[in-house]
Amino acid sequence: MIIKTKLELKEYIKLMYVLTYRKPMVIIISIIGLVMIIGTLGYFLGFKDMYESAPIVPGALGFAFVILVPFSIYRGAKRNFSSSGRLNETINYEFTEDRIIITGESFTS
């Protein structure tokens, strides 16, 4: 039996997001970022009891945690996929009675 596989960029990016957001620290940082953004929006909507002055720094950090982290994951995954030849080549898996033969465009195992 022969199985042919090819990893697509969209699937690789999704995998990178899943592997990154599986870590508890990344989830905690994202939640903290959301709280900072909500606090900043609350200040500008009139709930000024939370901060003594304009919360520009917490708003910027919240933006970085919530927006820039996923963007950097996307950008890094796209760069890694483009630069790594093994990620974007077709791989054939051949199963026989006594062994498995894996063949790619640049390797055989």
C-alpha atoms as a PDB file:
ATOM      1  CA  MET A   1       0.000   0.000   0.000  1.00  0.00           C
ATOM      2  CA  ILE A   2       1.378   3.453  -0.946  1.00  0.00           C
ATOM      3  CA  ILE A   3       0.306   6.692   0.724  1.00  0.00           C
ATOM      4  CA  LYS A   4       1.320  10.075  -0.724  1.00  0.00           C
ATOM      5  CA  THR A   5       1.371  13.156   1.483  1.00  0.00           C
ATOM      6  CA  LYS A   6       2.232  16.810   0.970  1.00  0.00           C
ATOM      7  CA  LEU A   7       2.141  19.381   3.738  1.00  0.00           C
ATOM      8  CA  GLU A   8       0.511  22.635   2.652  1.00  0.00           C
ATOM      9  CA  LEU A   9       1.410  26.065   4.017  1.00  0.00           C
ATOM     10  CA  LYS A  10      -2.069  26.586   5.501  1.00  0.00           C
ATOM     11  CA  GLU A  11      -1.866  23.301   7.441  1.00  0.00           C
ATOM     12  CA  TYR A  12       1.660  24.087   8.670  1.00  0.00           C
ATOM     13  CA  ILE A  13       0.618  27.520   9.967  1.00  0.00           C
ATOM     14  CA  LYS A  14      -2.369  25.957  11.742  1.00  0.00           C
ATOM     15  CA  LEU A  15      -0.042  23.379  13.322  1.00  0.00           C
ATOM     16  CA  MET A  16       2.289  26.114  14.566  1.00  0.00           C
ATOM     17  CA  TYR A  17      -0.639  27.980  16.159  1.00  0.00           C
ATOM     18  CA  VAL A  18      -1.887  24.805  17.857  1.00  0.00           C
ATOM     19  CA  LEU A  19       1.558  23.913  19.178  1.00  0.00           C
ATOM     20  CA  THR A  20       2.192  27.461  20.426  1.00  0.00           C
ATOM     21  CA  TYR A  21      -1.183  28.027  22.081  1.00  0.00           C
ATOM     22  CA  ARG A  22      -1.036  24.641  23.775  1.00  0.00           C
ATOM     23  CA  LYS A  23       1.522  26.060  26.209  1.00  0.00           C
ATOM     24  CA  PRO A  24      -0.032  27.473  29.399  1.00  0.00           C
ATOM     25  CA  MET A  25       2.300  30.484  29.493  1.00  0.00           C
ATOM     26  CA  VAL A  26       1.195  31.665  26.044  1.00  0.00           C
ATOM     27  CA  ILE A  27      -2.452  31.343  27.076  1.00  0.00           C
ATOM     28  CA  ILE A  28      -1.802  33.319  30.276  1.00  0.00           C
ATOM     29  CA  ILE A  29       0.025  36.054  28.351  1.00  0.00           C
ATOM     30  CA  SER A  30      -2.867  36.294  25.883  1.00  0.00           C
ATOM     31  CA  ILE A  31      -5.394  36.622  28.714  1.00  0.00           C
ATOM     32  CA  ILE A  32      -3.270  39.316  30.376  1.00  0.00           C
ATOM     33  CA  GLY A  33      -3.101  41.136  27.033  1.00  0.00           C
ATOM     34  CA  LEU A  34      -6.893  41.018  26.690  1.00  0.00           C
ATOM     35  CA  VAL A  35      -7.311  42.391  30.226  1.00  0.00           C
ATOM     36  CA  MET A  36      -4.895  45.229  29.425  1.00  0.00           C
ATOM     37  CA  ILE A  37      -6.777  46.103  26.240  1.00  0.00           C
ATOM     38  CA  ILE A  38     -10.139  46.008  28.029  1.00  0.00           C
ATOM     39  CA  GLY A  39      -8.743  48.212  30.798  1.00  0.00           C
ATOM     40  CA  THR A  40      -7.446  50.728  28.288  1.00  0.00           C
ATOM     41  CA  LEU A  41     -10.747  50.775  26.405  1.00  0.00           C
ATOM     42  CA  GLY A  42     -12.550  51.205  29.729  1.00  0.00           C
ATOM     43  CA  TYR A  43     -10.409  54.227  30.532  1.00  0.00           C
ATOM     44  CA  PHE A  44     -11.221  55.908  27.241  1.00  0.00           C
ATOM     45  CA  LEU A  45     -14.922  55.073  27.622  1.00  0.00           C
ATOM     46  CA  GLY A  46     -15.102  56.903  30.918  1.00  0.00           C
ATOM     47  CA  PHE A  47     -14.113  54.406  33.630  1.00  0.00           C
ATOM     48  CA  LYS A  48     -11.163  56.491  34.813  1.00  0.00           C
ATOM     49  CA  ASP A  49     -11.019  55.030  38.323  1.00  0.00           C
ATOM     50  CA  MET A  50      -8.739  52.237  37.132  1.00  0.00           C
ATOM     51  CA  TYR A  51      -5.755  54.427  36.175  1.00  0.00           C
ATOM     52  CA  GLU A  52      -4.409  57.761  37.366  1.00  0.00           C
ATOM     53  CA  SER A  53      -3.182  58.757  33.901  1.00  0.00           C
ATOM     54  CA  ALA A  54      -3.790  57.562  30.362  1.00  0.00           C
ATOM     55  CA  PRO A  55      -2.962  53.843  30.127  1.00  0.00           C
ATOM     56  CA  ILE A  56      -0.980  53.987  26.908  1.00  0.00           C
ATOM     57  CA  VAL A  57       1.717  51.533  27.995  1.00  0.00           C
ATOM     58  CA  PRO A  58      -0.703  48.798  29.156  1.00  0.00           C
ATOM     59  CA  GLY A  59      -2.718  49.270  25.983  1.00  0.00           C
ATOM     60  CA  ALA A  60       0.384  48.926  23.823  1.00  0.00           C
ATOM     61  CA  LEU A  61       1.539  45.840  25.731  1.00  0.00           C
ATOM     62  CA  GLY A  62      -1.927  44.314  25.472  1.00  0.00           C
ATOM     63  CA  PHE A  63      -1.902  44.962  21.746  1.00  0.00           C
ATOM     64  CA  ALA A  64       1.523  43.322  21.463  1.00  0.00           C
ATOM     65  CA  PHE A  65       0.400  40.266  23.435  1.00  0.00           C
ATOM     66  CA  VAL A  66      -2.843  39.777  21.545  1.00  0.00           C
ATOM     67  CA  ILE A  67      -1.969  40.894  17.998  1.00  0.00           C
ATOM     68  CA  LEU A  68       1.796  40.800  17.497  1.00  0.00           C
ATOM     69  CA  VAL A  69       2.395  37.329  18.978  1.00  0.00           C
ATOM     70  CA  PRO A  70       0.021  35.569  16.532  1.00  0.00           C
ATOM     71  CA  PHE A  71       1.406  37.700  13.690  1.00  0.00           C
ATOM     72  CA  SER A  72       4.973  36.677  14.547  1.00  0.00           C
ATOM     73  CA  ILE A  73       3.920  33.002  14.671  1.00  0.00           C
ATOM     74  CA  TYR A  74       2.354  33.359  11.227  1.00  0.00           C
ATOM     75  CA  ARG A  75       5.379  35.148   9.792  1.00  0.00           C
ATOM     76  CA  GLY A  76       7.868  32.675  11.295  1.00  0.00           C
ATOM     77  CA  ALA A  77       5.901  29.661  10.099  1.00  0.00           C
ATOM     78  CA  LYS A  78       5.664  31.076   6.598  1.00  0.00           C
ATOM     79  CA  ARG A  79       9.404  31.816   6.536  1.00  0.00           C
ATOM     80  CA  ASN A  80      10.303  28.350   7.871  1.00  0.00           C
ATOM     81  CA  PHE A  81       8.015  26.625   5.382  1.00  0.00           C
ATOM     82  CA  SER A  82       9.517  28.527   2.467  1.00  0.00           C
ATOM     83  CA  SER A  83      13.135  27.978   3.500  1.00  0.00           C
ATOM     84  CA  SER A  84      12.865  24.295   4.451  1.00  0.00           C
ATOM     85  CA  GLY A  85      12.787  22.069   1.406  1.00  0.00           C
ATOM     86  CA  ARG A  86      11.689  18.994   3.342  1.00  0.00           C
ATOM     87  CA  LEU A  87       8.514  20.584   4.652  1.00  0.00           C
ATOM     88  CA  ASN A  88       7.005  21.323   1.273  1.00  0.00           C
ATOM     89  CA  GLU A  89       7.936  18.234  -0.707  1.00  0.00           C
ATOM     90  CA  THR A  90       5.768  15.226  -1.535  1.00  0.00           C
ATOM     91  CA  ILE A  91       6.487  12.176   0.643  1.00  0.00           C
ATOM     92  CA  ASN A  92       5.516   8.624  -0.310  1.00  0.00           C
ATOM     93  CA  TYR A  93       5.011   5.994   2.383  1.00  0.00           C
ATOM     94  CA  GLU A  94       5.111   2.419   1.073  1.00  0.00           C
ATOM     95  CA  PHE A  95       4.036  -0.307   3.484  1.00  0.00           C
ATOM     96  CA  THR A  96       5.161  -3.856   2.706  1.00  0.00           C
ATOM     97  CA  GLU A  97       4.953  -7.085   4.691  1.00  0.00           C
ATOM     98  CA  ASP A  98       8.224  -6.537   6.532  1.00  0.00           C
ATOM     99  CA  ARG A  99       9.175  -2.862   6.223  1.00  0.00           C
ATOM    100  CA  ILE A 100       8.161   0.728   5.561  1.00  0.00           C
ATOM    101  CA  ILE A 101       9.832   2.677   2.756  1.00  0.00           C
ATOM    102  CA  ILE A 102       9.676   6.462   2.983  1.00  0.00           C
ATOM    103  CA  THR A 103      10.636   8.368  -0.150  1.00  0.00           C
ATOM    104  CA  GLY A 104      10.739  12.106  -0.621  1.00  0.00           C
ATOM    105  CA  GLU A 105      12.014  14.305  -3.390  1.00  0.00           C
ATOM    106  CA  SER A 106      15.360  14.756  -1.599  1.00  0.00           C
ATOM    107  CA  PHE A 107      15.666  11.593   0.516  1.00  0.00           C
ATOM    108  CA  THR A 108      14.910   7.877   0.817  1.00  0.00           C
ATOM    109  CA  SER A 109      14.546   6.006   4.065  1.00  0.00           C
END
